[in-house]
Structure formats: structure tokens, C-alpha cells
């Protein structure tokens, strides 16, 4: 069975004049949210085998705060997560098929649509991943990642 943990970045500062979206840092609230997310993952024994993270500053800072609570695991930055839609995220997950528990750290709307697609089979107007929100999906062993294949086993937000 594949366990997929999807973590949306925590609350970020608004972009300053001339600042690229990729460079937005976490706010003080976001830092606290990310630390809380890490504690929740640790306390629920949901430590990933590998983490794939968007290169955006706010996702990297979220991951750093989470791993400060859980302990460090294998991690990779992946440019394709930034602005990715569900199909691209599924392709990325499939490239890590040897991993039993994979965590993606990314952005909306891609993450929330991925949760909806894998769980219910459709994305629609789904809006369910608040900042630092975590969705845990279980996919049966050997099953292809396709609409409706996963079970949403846990959902948490600060």
C-alpha cells in the first residue's frame, strides 16, 4: 500500500513590491502552523520515507519547520510541484513508486484538487486544503493512481 501525505505550505507573507511569488517567506503565523503540522505528523506516527517539496521559499520553510519536529528524512526539491495540477502531481508520485510513504509539500489548487480526484474521482470546486493542511491518502498495493482509487484516512489543519 502507498501512503501519500499531502502538505500545503503554511501561511506566507504577501509579496512585497517587486518580489517574485517564489520568494515569499512564511509569516510568523505560518511558522507556528508548520511547527504544529510537524508535531501532528510526529504524534500520529506519520513520518514519511521521502519528501518531495516545491522549491518555493514558503514550501521549503514549511518543510524545514516540520522536519524540525519530526526529524530529518530523505528530501528532494522538485520544480514541477510549483503551479502543478493533479495530473502532473500524479506523474510525479508515480516516479517514486518504490517509496511506501511519500510526502508532497506544495500549493493549492493542485494539492486540494489531487486529494479530491484521488479520493472522490473528481476535482470540481473542491476547496479543502487550508494553509499547513495535511491530507493522508492510502492507495491499495499495486493500484494505478487514478480517480477514486484512494481512501482519505486522515485530514488535519492548524
N, C-alpha and C. Protein backbone atom coordinates (compact mmCIF):
# COMPACT_ATOMS: atom_id res chain seq x y z
N UNK A 1 0.84 -1.18 0.00
CA UNK A 1 0.00 0.00 0.00
C UNK A 1 0.89 1.24 0.00
N UNK A 2 0.51 2.23 -0.79
CA UNK A 2 1.17 3.52 -0.80
C UNK A 2 0.41 4.44 0.14
N UNK A 3 1.14 5.11 0.99
CA UNK A 3 0.54 6.15 1.82
C UNK A 3 1.11 7.47 1.32
N UNK A 4 0.22 8.35 0.93
CA UNK A 4 0.58 9.63 0.36
C UNK A 4 0.15 10.73 1.33
N UNK A 5 1.12 11.52 1.77
CA UNK A 5 0.86 12.63 2.68
C UNK A 5 1.02 13.91 1.87
N UNK A 6 -0.03 14.69 1.83
CA UNK A 6 0.00 15.96 1.10
C UNK A 6 -0.04 17.09 2.12
N UNK A 7 0.95 17.95 2.06
CA UNK A 7 1.06 19.07 2.99
C UNK A 7 1.09 20.37 2.20
N UNK A 8 0.10 21.20 2.43
CA UNK A 8 0.12 22.53 1.82
C UNK A 8 1.02 23.42 2.65
N UNK A 9 1.76 24.30 2.00
CA UNK A 9 2.62 25.22 2.74
C UNK A 9 1.79 26.02 3.74
N UNK A 10 2.45 26.45 4.80
CA UNK A 10 1.81 27.25 5.83
C UNK A 10 1.62 28.69 5.33
N UNK A 11 0.96 29.50 6.17
CA UNK A 11 0.63 30.88 5.80
C UNK A 11 1.89 31.66 5.45
N UNK A 12 1.86 32.32 4.29
CA UNK A 12 3.01 33.09 3.81
C UNK A 12 2.71 34.58 3.83
N UNK A 13 3.77 35.35 3.84
CA UNK A 13 3.64 36.80 3.72
C UNK A 13 3.17 37.13 2.30
N UNK A 14 2.46 38.23 2.17
CA UNK A 14 2.12 38.73 0.84
C UNK A 14 3.40 39.17 0.16
N UNK A 15 3.41 39.09 -1.15
CA UNK A 15 4.59 39.51 -1.89
C UNK A 15 4.82 41.01 -1.73
N UNK A 16 6.04 41.37 -1.46
CA UNK A 16 6.43 42.78 -1.41
C UNK A 16 6.52 43.30 -2.84
N UNK A 17 6.49 44.58 -2.98
CA UNK A 17 6.59 45.19 -4.31
C UNK A 17 7.84 44.67 -5.01
N UNK A 18 7.62 44.12 -6.19
CA UNK A 18 8.72 43.60 -6.99
C UNK A 18 9.22 42.22 -6.58
N UNK A 19 8.67 41.65 -5.54
CA UNK A 19 9.12 40.33 -5.07
C UNK A 19 8.44 39.23 -5.86
N UNK A 20 9.20 38.25 -6.31
CA UNK A 20 8.64 37.11 -7.03
C UNK A 20 7.83 36.24 -6.07
N UNK A 21 6.77 35.64 -6.58
CA UNK A 21 5.94 34.75 -5.78
C UNK A 21 6.77 33.62 -5.16
N UNK A 22 7.73 33.12 -5.90
CA UNK A 22 8.58 32.02 -5.42
C UNK A 22 9.37 32.41 -4.16
N UNK A 23 9.56 33.70 -3.94
CA UNK A 23 10.41 34.17 -2.85
C UNK A 23 9.64 34.58 -1.60
N UNK A 24 8.32 34.36 -1.58
CA UNK A 24 7.53 34.75 -0.41
C UNK A 24 7.87 33.87 0.79
N UNK A 25 8.22 34.48 1.94
CA UNK A 25 8.54 33.69 3.13
C UNK A 25 7.28 33.37 3.94
N UNK A 26 7.44 32.46 4.89
CA UNK A 26 6.36 32.22 5.85
C UNK A 26 6.20 33.44 6.74
N UNK A 27 4.98 33.66 7.17
CA UNK A 27 4.72 34.67 8.20
C UNK A 27 5.00 34.04 9.56
N UNK A 28 4.93 34.84 10.62
CA UNK A 28 5.09 34.29 11.97
C UNK A 28 4.00 33.27 12.26
N UNK A 29 2.79 33.56 11.80
CA UNK A 29 1.68 32.60 11.95
C UNK A 29 2.00 31.31 11.20
N UNK A 30 2.51 31.46 9.98
CA UNK A 30 2.86 30.29 9.18
C UNK A 30 3.94 29.44 9.83
N UNK A 31 4.92 30.07 10.44
CA UNK A 31 5.97 29.32 11.13
C UNK A 31 5.36 28.47 12.25
N UNK A 32 4.45 29.06 13.02
CA UNK A 32 3.78 28.31 14.10
C UNK A 32 2.91 27.20 13.52
N UNK A 33 2.22 27.46 12.41
CA UNK A 33 1.40 26.42 11.76
C UNK A 33 2.26 25.24 11.30
N UNK A 34 3.39 25.55 10.69
CA UNK A 34 4.27 24.49 10.19
C UNK A 34 4.82 23.64 11.33
N UNK A 35 5.19 24.28 12.43
CA UNK A 35 5.67 23.53 13.59
C UNK A 35 4.56 22.64 14.15
N UNK A 36 3.34 23.16 14.18
CA UNK A 36 2.20 22.36 14.65
C UNK A 36 1.96 21.17 13.73
N UNK A 37 2.09 21.39 12.43
CA UNK A 37 1.93 20.29 11.47
C UNK A 37 2.97 19.20 11.73
N UNK A 38 4.20 19.60 11.99
CA UNK A 38 5.24 18.63 12.29
C UNK A 38 4.96 17.84 13.55
N UNK A 39 4.47 18.53 14.58
CA UNK A 39 4.10 17.83 15.82
C UNK A 39 2.98 16.83 15.57
N UNK A 40 1.98 17.24 14.75
CA UNK A 40 0.87 16.34 14.46
C UNK A 40 1.35 15.11 13.71
N UNK A 41 2.20 15.30 12.72
CA UNK A 41 2.74 14.15 11.98
C UNK A 41 3.52 13.23 12.91
N UNK A 42 4.37 13.82 13.76
CA UNK A 42 5.16 13.03 14.71
C UNK A 42 4.26 12.26 15.67
N UNK A 43 3.29 12.96 16.25
CA UNK A 43 2.42 12.34 17.26
C UNK A 43 1.52 11.26 16.68
N UNK A 44 1.26 11.33 15.38
CA UNK A 44 0.42 10.33 14.71
C UNK A 44 1.26 9.30 13.95
N UNK A 45 2.55 9.30 14.20
CA UNK A 45 3.47 8.32 13.60
C UNK A 45 3.36 8.29 12.08
N UNK A 46 3.30 9.48 11.49
CA UNK A 46 3.19 9.62 10.04
C UNK A 46 4.46 10.24 9.47
N UNK A 47 5.57 9.58 9.73
CA UNK A 47 6.85 10.07 9.24
C UNK A 47 7.08 9.51 7.84
N UNK A 48 7.29 10.38 6.87
CA UNK A 48 7.47 9.90 5.50
C UNK A 48 8.83 9.25 5.30
N UNK A 49 8.89 8.38 4.29
CA UNK A 49 10.16 7.79 3.87
C UNK A 49 10.93 8.77 2.99
N UNK A 50 10.19 9.59 2.26
CA UNK A 50 10.79 10.59 1.37
C UNK A 50 9.84 11.77 1.27
N UNK A 51 10.41 12.95 1.12
CA UNK A 51 9.63 14.17 0.93
C UNK A 51 10.04 14.80 -0.39
N UNK A 52 9.05 15.17 -1.18
CA UNK A 52 9.25 15.90 -2.42
C UNK A 52 8.62 17.27 -2.19
N UNK A 53 9.40 18.33 -2.37
CA UNK A 53 8.97 19.67 -1.99
C UNK A 53 9.14 20.65 -3.15
N UNK A 54 8.18 21.52 -3.30
CA UNK A 54 8.29 22.63 -4.25
C UNK A 54 9.50 23.49 -3.85
N UNK A 55 10.16 24.11 -4.81
CA UNK A 55 11.29 24.96 -4.48
C UNK A 55 10.92 26.35 -3.97
N UNK A 56 9.64 26.68 -3.93
CA UNK A 56 9.22 27.99 -3.43
C UNK A 56 9.70 28.16 -1.99
N UNK A 57 10.08 29.36 -1.63
CA UNK A 57 10.61 29.62 -0.29
C UNK A 57 9.63 29.20 0.80
N UNK A 58 8.34 29.50 0.63
CA UNK A 58 7.37 29.18 1.68
C UNK A 58 7.20 27.69 1.88
N UNK A 59 7.34 26.88 0.81
CA UNK A 59 7.25 25.43 0.98
C UNK A 59 8.51 24.89 1.64
N UNK A 60 9.66 25.41 1.26
CA UNK A 60 10.91 24.97 1.87
C UNK A 60 10.94 25.32 3.36
N UNK A 61 10.46 26.52 3.70
CA UNK A 61 10.42 26.91 5.12
C UNK A 61 9.40 26.07 5.89
N UNK A 62 8.28 25.74 5.26
CA UNK A 62 7.30 24.84 5.90
C UNK A 62 7.94 23.49 6.18
N UNK A 63 8.59 22.94 5.17
CA UNK A 63 9.23 21.63 5.34
C UNK A 63 10.29 21.67 6.43
N UNK A 64 11.10 22.70 6.46
CA UNK A 64 12.15 22.82 7.47
C UNK A 64 11.55 22.82 8.89
N UNK A 65 10.47 23.56 9.08
CA UNK A 65 9.82 23.61 10.39
C UNK A 65 9.20 22.25 10.75
N UNK A 66 8.60 21.58 9.77
CA UNK A 66 8.02 20.26 10.01
C UNK A 66 9.11 19.27 10.40
N UNK A 67 10.19 19.25 9.63
CA UNK A 67 11.27 18.29 9.92
C UNK A 67 11.98 18.60 11.23
N UNK A 68 11.91 19.85 11.65
CA UNK A 68 12.45 20.19 12.97
C UNK A 68 11.69 19.49 14.08
N UNK A 69 10.45 19.13 13.83
CA UNK A 69 9.63 18.43 14.83
C UNK A 69 9.69 16.91 14.65
N UNK A 70 9.80 16.45 13.41
CA UNK A 70 9.72 15.02 13.13
C UNK A 70 11.06 14.34 13.06
N UNK A 71 12.10 15.10 12.78
CA UNK A 71 13.40 14.52 12.46
C UNK A 71 13.55 14.52 10.94
N UNK A 72 14.76 14.45 10.50
CA UNK A 72 15.04 14.60 9.07
C UNK A 72 14.89 13.28 8.33
N UNK A 73 14.38 13.38 7.11
CA UNK A 73 14.21 12.25 6.21
C UNK A 73 14.74 12.66 4.85
N UNK A 74 14.80 11.70 3.95
CA UNK A 74 15.24 12.00 2.58
C UNK A 74 14.30 13.04 1.99
N UNK A 75 14.87 14.05 1.35
CA UNK A 75 14.06 15.11 0.77
C UNK A 75 14.66 15.57 -0.55
N UNK A 76 13.76 15.97 -1.45
CA UNK A 76 14.17 16.45 -2.77
C UNK A 76 13.32 17.65 -3.14
N UNK A 77 13.95 18.63 -3.76
CA UNK A 77 13.20 19.74 -4.31
C UNK A 77 12.79 19.36 -5.72
N UNK A 78 11.56 19.74 -6.07
CA UNK A 78 11.03 19.38 -7.38
C UNK A 78 10.28 20.58 -7.96
N UNK A 79 10.86 21.18 -8.99
CA UNK A 79 10.26 22.36 -9.61
C UNK A 79 8.86 22.10 -10.15
N UNK A 80 8.58 20.87 -10.57
CA UNK A 80 7.28 20.56 -11.17
C UNK A 80 6.11 20.69 -10.20
N UNK A 81 6.38 20.75 -8.89
CA UNK A 81 5.27 20.89 -7.94
C UNK A 81 4.69 22.30 -7.97
N UNK A 82 5.55 23.28 -8.19
CA UNK A 82 5.09 24.67 -8.21
C UNK A 82 4.12 24.86 -9.37
N UNK A 83 2.91 25.30 -9.07
CA UNK A 83 1.83 25.52 -10.04
C UNK A 83 1.35 24.24 -10.73
N UNK A 84 1.65 23.07 -10.16
CA UNK A 84 1.24 21.81 -10.76
C UNK A 84 -0.24 21.53 -10.53
N UNK A 85 -0.83 20.90 -11.50
CA UNK A 85 -2.21 20.44 -11.40
C UNK A 85 -2.18 18.93 -11.09
N UNK A 86 -3.33 18.33 -10.77
CA UNK A 86 -3.35 16.94 -10.33
C UNK A 86 -2.64 15.95 -11.26
N UNK A 87 -2.82 16.08 -12.55
CA UNK A 87 -2.17 15.13 -13.46
C UNK A 87 -0.66 15.15 -13.35
N UNK A 88 -0.09 16.33 -13.25
CA UNK A 88 1.36 16.45 -13.09
C UNK A 88 1.82 15.88 -11.75
N UNK A 89 1.03 16.12 -10.71
CA UNK A 89 1.38 15.60 -9.39
C UNK A 89 1.30 14.07 -9.36
N UNK A 90 0.31 13.51 -10.03
CA UNK A 90 0.21 12.05 -10.11
C UNK A 90 1.43 11.48 -10.82
N UNK A 91 1.83 12.09 -11.93
CA UNK A 91 3.03 11.63 -12.64
C UNK A 91 4.25 11.67 -11.74
N UNK A 92 4.37 12.71 -10.95
CA UNK A 92 5.49 12.84 -10.04
C UNK A 92 5.47 11.75 -8.97
N UNK A 93 4.31 11.50 -8.39
CA UNK A 93 4.18 10.44 -7.37
C UNK A 93 4.55 9.09 -7.97
N UNK A 94 4.10 8.84 -9.19
CA UNK A 94 4.39 7.55 -9.84
C UNK A 94 5.89 7.34 -10.04
N UNK A 95 6.65 8.40 -10.16
CA UNK A 95 8.10 8.28 -10.32
C UNK A 95 8.80 7.87 -9.02
N UNK A 96 8.05 7.85 -7.92
CA UNK A 96 8.61 7.46 -6.62
C UNK A 96 7.86 6.23 -6.10
N UNK A 97 7.50 5.34 -7.01
CA UNK A 97 6.70 4.17 -6.68
C UNK A 97 7.34 3.21 -5.70
N UNK A 98 8.66 3.28 -5.53
CA UNK A 98 9.34 2.38 -4.60
C UNK A 98 9.19 2.84 -3.15
N UNK A 99 8.66 4.03 -2.94
CA UNK A 99 8.53 4.60 -1.60
C UNK A 99 7.16 4.23 -1.03
N UNK A 100 7.14 3.71 0.18
CA UNK A 100 5.87 3.31 0.80
C UNK A 100 5.09 4.48 1.37
N UNK A 101 5.80 5.47 1.91
CA UNK A 101 5.13 6.64 2.48
C UNK A 101 5.83 7.89 1.93
N UNK A 102 5.13 8.55 1.02
CA UNK A 102 5.67 9.70 0.32
C UNK A 102 4.91 10.95 0.74
N UNK A 103 5.65 12.03 1.00
CA UNK A 103 5.00 13.30 1.31
C UNK A 103 5.35 14.32 0.24
N UNK A 104 4.31 15.02 -0.23
CA UNK A 104 4.48 16.14 -1.14
C UNK A 104 4.19 17.42 -0.37
N UNK A 105 5.05 18.41 -0.52
CA UNK A 105 4.83 19.72 0.09
C UNK A 105 4.65 20.69 -1.06
N UNK A 106 3.45 21.27 -1.15
CA UNK A 106 3.18 22.10 -2.31
C UNK A 106 2.12 23.15 -2.07
N UNK A 107 1.35 23.38 -3.12
CA UNK A 107 0.48 24.55 -3.22
C UNK A 107 -0.94 24.16 -3.65
N UNK A 108 -1.86 25.07 -3.37
CA UNK A 108 -3.20 25.00 -3.96
C UNK A 108 -3.18 25.77 -5.26
N UNK A 109 -4.04 25.47 -6.20
CA UNK A 109 -5.12 24.50 -6.08
C UNK A 109 -4.72 23.05 -6.36
N UNK A 110 -3.48 22.83 -6.78
CA UNK A 110 -3.07 21.48 -7.17
C UNK A 110 -3.25 20.43 -6.10
N UNK A 111 -2.83 20.72 -4.86
CA UNK A 111 -2.93 19.72 -3.80
C UNK A 111 -4.37 19.39 -3.46
N UNK A 112 -5.20 20.43 -3.27
CA UNK A 112 -6.58 20.14 -2.89
C UNK A 112 -7.32 19.42 -4.01
N UNK A 113 -7.00 19.72 -5.24
CA UNK A 113 -7.63 19.02 -6.36
C UNK A 113 -7.14 17.58 -6.45
N UNK A 114 -5.87 17.36 -6.12
CA UNK A 114 -5.35 15.99 -6.11
C UNK A 114 -6.05 15.15 -5.05
N UNK A 115 -6.24 15.70 -3.87
CA UNK A 115 -6.97 14.98 -2.82
C UNK A 115 -8.36 14.60 -3.32
N UNK A 116 -9.07 15.57 -3.86
CA UNK A 116 -10.44 15.32 -4.34
C UNK A 116 -10.45 14.28 -5.45
N UNK A 117 -9.53 14.40 -6.40
CA UNK A 117 -9.50 13.48 -7.53
C UNK A 117 -9.21 12.05 -7.09
N UNK A 118 -8.18 11.87 -6.28
CA UNK A 118 -7.83 10.51 -5.85
C UNK A 118 -8.85 9.91 -4.91
N UNK A 119 -9.49 10.75 -4.09
CA UNK A 119 -10.46 10.25 -3.13
C UNK A 119 -11.86 10.08 -3.73
N UNK A 120 -12.36 11.13 -4.37
CA UNK A 120 -13.76 11.09 -4.84
C UNK A 120 -13.89 10.88 -6.34
N UNK A 121 -12.79 11.03 -7.07
CA UNK A 121 -12.86 10.83 -8.50
C UNK A 121 -13.11 12.09 -9.30
N UNK A 122 -13.24 13.21 -8.61
CA UNK A 122 -13.48 14.47 -9.34
C UNK A 122 -12.88 15.63 -8.54
N UNK A 123 -12.59 16.72 -9.25
CA UNK A 123 -12.00 17.86 -8.57
C UNK A 123 -13.02 18.96 -8.33
N UNK A 124 -13.87 19.23 -9.31
CA UNK A 124 -14.92 20.23 -9.16
C UNK A 124 -14.42 21.52 -8.56
N UNK A 125 -15.18 22.06 -7.66
CA UNK A 125 -14.84 23.30 -6.97
C UNK A 125 -14.33 23.02 -5.57
N UNK A 126 -13.69 21.89 -5.39
CA UNK A 126 -13.20 21.47 -4.09
C UNK A 126 -12.25 22.51 -3.51
N UNK A 127 -12.50 22.92 -2.30
CA UNK A 127 -11.62 23.87 -1.60
C UNK A 127 -11.44 23.37 -0.18
N UNK A 128 -10.46 22.51 0.01
CA UNK A 128 -10.35 21.89 1.30
C UNK A 128 -8.97 21.80 1.90
N UNK A 129 -7.99 22.56 1.41
CA UNK A 129 -6.65 22.49 1.98
C UNK A 129 -6.24 23.86 2.49
N UNK A 130 -6.51 24.15 3.75
CA UNK A 130 -6.07 25.44 4.31
C UNK A 130 -4.55 25.45 4.46
N UNK A 131 -3.97 26.61 4.71
CA UNK A 131 -2.53 26.67 4.92
C UNK A 131 -2.10 25.68 6.02
N UNK A 132 -1.04 24.94 5.73
CA UNK A 132 -0.48 23.90 6.61
C UNK A 132 -1.41 22.71 6.78
N UNK A 133 -2.44 22.61 5.94
CA UNK A 133 -3.34 21.46 5.99
C UNK A 133 -2.63 20.20 5.52
N UNK A 134 -3.02 19.07 6.10
CA UNK A 134 -2.42 17.77 5.76
C UNK A 134 -3.54 16.81 5.39
N UNK A 135 -3.39 16.16 4.26
CA UNK A 135 -4.29 15.08 3.85
C UNK A 135 -3.46 13.82 3.72
N UNK A 136 -3.95 12.72 4.28
CA UNK A 136 -3.26 11.43 4.20
C UNK A 136 -4.16 10.49 3.39
N UNK A 137 -3.62 9.99 2.30
CA UNK A 137 -4.35 9.11 1.40
C UNK A 137 -3.68 7.74 1.36
N UNK A 138 -4.48 6.69 1.38
CA UNK A 138 -3.97 5.33 1.23
C UNK A 138 -4.41 4.79 -0.11
N UNK A 139 -3.46 4.23 -0.82
CA UNK A 139 -3.72 3.65 -2.14
C UNK A 139 -3.41 2.16 -2.04
N UNK A 140 -4.33 1.29 -2.46
CA UNK A 140 -4.07 -0.15 -2.39
C UNK A 140 -2.80 -0.55 -3.14
N UNK A 141 -2.11 -1.54 -2.62
CA UNK A 141 -0.88 -2.03 -3.24
C UNK A 141 -1.14 -2.42 -4.69
N UNK A 142 -0.28 -1.95 -5.56
CA UNK A 142 -0.36 -2.31 -6.96
C UNK A 142 -1.39 -1.55 -7.77
N UNK A 143 -2.20 -0.72 -7.12
CA UNK A 143 -3.25 0.01 -7.84
C UNK A 143 -2.63 1.20 -8.58
N UNK A 144 -3.18 1.47 -9.74
CA UNK A 144 -2.75 2.64 -10.50
C UNK A 144 -3.35 3.88 -9.84
N UNK A 145 -2.61 4.98 -9.91
CA UNK A 145 -3.12 6.25 -9.37
C UNK A 145 -4.12 6.82 -10.38
N UNK A 146 -5.37 6.62 -10.07
CA UNK A 146 -6.44 7.08 -10.95
C UNK A 146 -7.58 7.62 -10.10
N UNK A 147 -8.51 8.33 -10.71
CA UNK A 147 -9.60 8.93 -9.94
C UNK A 147 -10.34 7.90 -9.07
N UNK A 148 -10.54 8.28 -7.80
CA UNK A 148 -11.31 7.48 -6.87
C UNK A 148 -10.59 6.29 -6.26
N UNK A 149 -9.30 6.11 -6.52
CA UNK A 149 -8.60 4.92 -6.05
C UNK A 149 -8.21 4.97 -4.58
N UNK A 150 -8.09 6.16 -4.01
CA UNK A 150 -7.53 6.31 -2.67
C UNK A 150 -8.61 6.49 -1.60
N UNK A 151 -8.22 6.16 -0.39
CA UNK A 151 -9.04 6.41 0.78
C UNK A 151 -8.40 7.54 1.57
N UNK A 152 -9.18 8.55 1.88
CA UNK A 152 -8.70 9.64 2.73
C UNK A 152 -8.76 9.13 4.17
N UNK A 153 -7.59 8.87 4.75
CA UNK A 153 -7.56 8.26 6.08
C UNK A 153 -7.45 9.28 7.20
N UNK A 154 -6.83 10.43 6.92
CA UNK A 154 -6.71 11.48 7.92
C UNK A 154 -6.66 12.83 7.23
N UNK A 155 -7.19 13.82 7.96
CA UNK A 155 -7.13 15.21 7.47
C UNK A 155 -6.96 16.09 8.68
N UNK A 156 -6.00 17.01 8.60
CA UNK A 156 -5.70 17.87 9.74
C UNK A 156 -5.35 19.27 9.23
N UNK A 157 -5.66 20.25 10.03
CA UNK A 157 -5.21 21.62 9.77
C UNK A 157 -5.08 22.34 11.11
N UNK A 158 -4.20 23.36 11.15
CA UNK A 158 -3.96 24.04 12.42
C UNK A 158 -5.13 24.95 12.82
